[in-house]
């Protein structure tokens, strides 16, 4: 449940918000070599982060909620990219929900130098 929305009726009561996270982690960090949680991402951290963000006050836009989630989760060292999907599930009676999907990418550590073409006289 989350306090989200720009309209007065949305500011009066918390809404059911569905969040789906697609986390891109390099294979060497995503394979459970020993069938141990220490070998993989800790989903409990994601869940606790979502609870903290949703308890932190009213948010007007789903895009803002998505940014807050990415800010919290993207700093995990193993994550290279993250897709955050958010859906306000009960906003309209005649559809399953209305939402937004946003991709976030960590900047790459590699730089590429492009040579300038030779200058002719």
Protein backbone atom coordinates (compact mmCIF):
# COMPACT_ATOMS: atom_id res chain seq x y z
CA UNK A 1 0.00 0.00 0.00
CA UNK A 2 1.26 3.42 -0.91
CA UNK A 3 0.12 7.03 -0.65
CA UNK A 4 0.40 8.00 -4.31
CA UNK A 5 -1.43 10.19 -6.78
CA UNK A 6 -2.09 13.77 -7.81
CA UNK A 7 -5.85 13.88 -7.21
CA UNK A 8 -7.46 14.76 -3.89
CA UNK A 9 -9.21 11.38 -3.57
CA UNK A 10 -5.83 9.64 -4.03
CA UNK A 11 -4.33 11.68 -1.21
CA UNK A 12 -7.00 10.55 1.26
CA UNK A 13 -6.21 6.85 1.38
CA UNK A 14 -3.32 4.53 0.55
CA UNK A 15 -3.59 2.55 -2.67
CA UNK A 16 -2.57 -0.93 -3.66
CA UNK A 17 0.51 -0.60 -5.86
CA UNK A 18 2.11 -3.56 -7.59
CA UNK A 19 5.87 -3.35 -8.10
CA UNK A 20 7.90 -5.67 -10.27
CA UNK A 21 11.70 -5.46 -10.37
CA UNK A 22 13.78 -6.97 -13.18
CA UNK A 23 17.38 -6.90 -12.02
CA UNK A 24 20.25 -7.43 -14.46
CA UNK A 25 23.25 -8.95 -12.71
CA UNK A 26 26.29 -10.46 -14.48
CA UNK A 27 26.19 -14.26 -14.56
CA UNK A 28 29.12 -14.64 -12.16
CA UNK A 29 27.06 -12.86 -9.50
CA UNK A 30 23.68 -14.41 -10.26
CA UNK A 31 24.43 -18.13 -10.24
CA UNK A 32 24.05 -19.94 -6.93
CA UNK A 33 27.27 -21.94 -6.91
CA UNK A 34 26.65 -23.48 -3.50
CA UNK A 35 22.86 -23.20 -3.26
CA UNK A 36 23.39 -20.39 -0.76
CA UNK A 37 21.71 -17.00 -0.54
CA UNK A 38 25.15 -15.45 -0.15
CA UNK A 39 25.81 -16.42 -3.79
CA UNK A 40 22.89 -14.37 -5.14
CA UNK A 41 21.02 -11.10 -4.70
CA UNK A 42 19.11 -10.77 -1.43
CA UNK A 43 15.47 -10.20 -2.37
CA UNK A 44 14.71 -9.34 1.26
CA UNK A 45 16.71 -6.13 0.75
CA UNK A 46 14.50 -5.22 -2.23
CA UNK A 47 11.33 -5.90 -0.24
CA UNK A 48 12.48 -3.92 2.80
CA UNK A 49 13.50 -1.03 0.53
CA UNK A 50 10.02 -0.94 -1.00
CA UNK A 51 8.43 -0.88 2.46
CA UNK A 52 10.64 2.00 3.58
CA UNK A 53 9.93 4.04 0.47
CA UNK A 54 6.16 3.48 0.68
CA UNK A 55 6.17 4.55 4.35
CA UNK A 56 8.11 7.75 3.64
CA UNK A 57 5.15 10.00 2.81
CA UNK A 58 2.97 10.90 -0.14
CA UNK A 59 4.31 10.64 -3.70
CA UNK A 60 2.50 12.34 -6.56
CA UNK A 61 3.77 10.41 -9.58
CA UNK A 62 4.50 6.77 -10.33
CA UNK A 63 7.61 7.98 -12.13
CA UNK A 64 8.84 9.55 -8.88
CA UNK A 65 8.19 6.31 -7.02
CA UNK A 66 10.14 4.45 -9.70
CA UNK A 67 13.08 6.86 -9.35
CA UNK A 68 13.09 6.45 -5.55
CA UNK A 69 13.15 2.67 -5.90
CA UNK A 70 15.99 2.81 -8.43
CA UNK A 71 17.98 5.23 -6.26
CA UNK A 72 17.74 2.79 -3.37
CA UNK A 73 18.43 -0.44 -5.28
CA UNK A 74 20.84 0.53 -8.08
CA UNK A 75 23.72 1.18 -5.69
CA UNK A 76 23.98 -2.55 -4.96
CA UNK A 77 27.38 -3.36 -6.37
CA UNK A 78 26.31 -6.32 -8.49
CA UNK A 79 23.41 -4.65 -10.34
CA UNK A 80 24.16 -3.25 -13.81
CA UNK A 81 20.59 -2.49 -14.88
CA UNK A 82 17.14 -2.41 -13.35
CA UNK A 83 13.63 -2.31 -14.78
CA UNK A 84 11.02 -0.98 -12.37
CA UNK A 85 7.38 -1.68 -13.25
CA UNK A 86 4.72 0.01 -11.15
CA UNK A 87 0.97 -0.44 -11.42
CA UNK A 88 -1.78 1.33 -9.49
CA UNK A 89 -3.95 -1.76 -9.42
CA UNK A 90 -7.33 -0.44 -8.27
CA UNK A 91 -7.47 3.01 -9.85
CA UNK A 92 -10.13 2.18 -12.46
CA UNK A 93 -12.94 -0.36 -12.15
CA UNK A 94 -12.82 -1.48 -15.78
CA UNK A 95 -9.11 -2.34 -16.09
CA UNK A 96 -6.48 -4.25 -14.16
CA UNK A 97 -4.41 -1.16 -13.50
CA UNK A 98 -2.44 1.75 -14.85
CA UNK A 99 1.30 1.83 -14.59
CA UNK A 100 4.72 2.79 -15.79
CA UNK A 101 7.89 0.85 -16.63
CA UNK A 102 11.28 2.51 -16.43
CA UNK A 103 14.76 1.15 -17.15
CA UNK A 104 17.80 2.33 -15.22
CA UNK A 105 21.43 1.63 -16.18
CA UNK A 106 24.68 2.06 -14.31
CA UNK A 107 27.25 3.97 -16.29
CA UNK A 108 29.88 1.67 -17.74
CA UNK A 109 33.38 1.82 -16.37
CA UNK A 110 34.90 1.55 -19.85
CA UNK A 111 35.52 4.59 -21.99
CA UNK A 112 35.94 4.60 -25.71
CA UNK A 113 38.18 7.01 -27.57
CA UNK A 114 37.21 7.88 -31.09
CA UNK A 115 40.02 9.22 -33.23
CA UNK A 116 39.37 12.37 -35.20
CA UNK A 117 39.78 12.12 -38.95
CA UNK A 118 43.04 13.58 -40.29
CA UNK A 119 42.84 17.20 -41.28
CA UNK A 120 43.90 17.87 -44.86
CA UNK A 121 45.46 21.16 -46.00
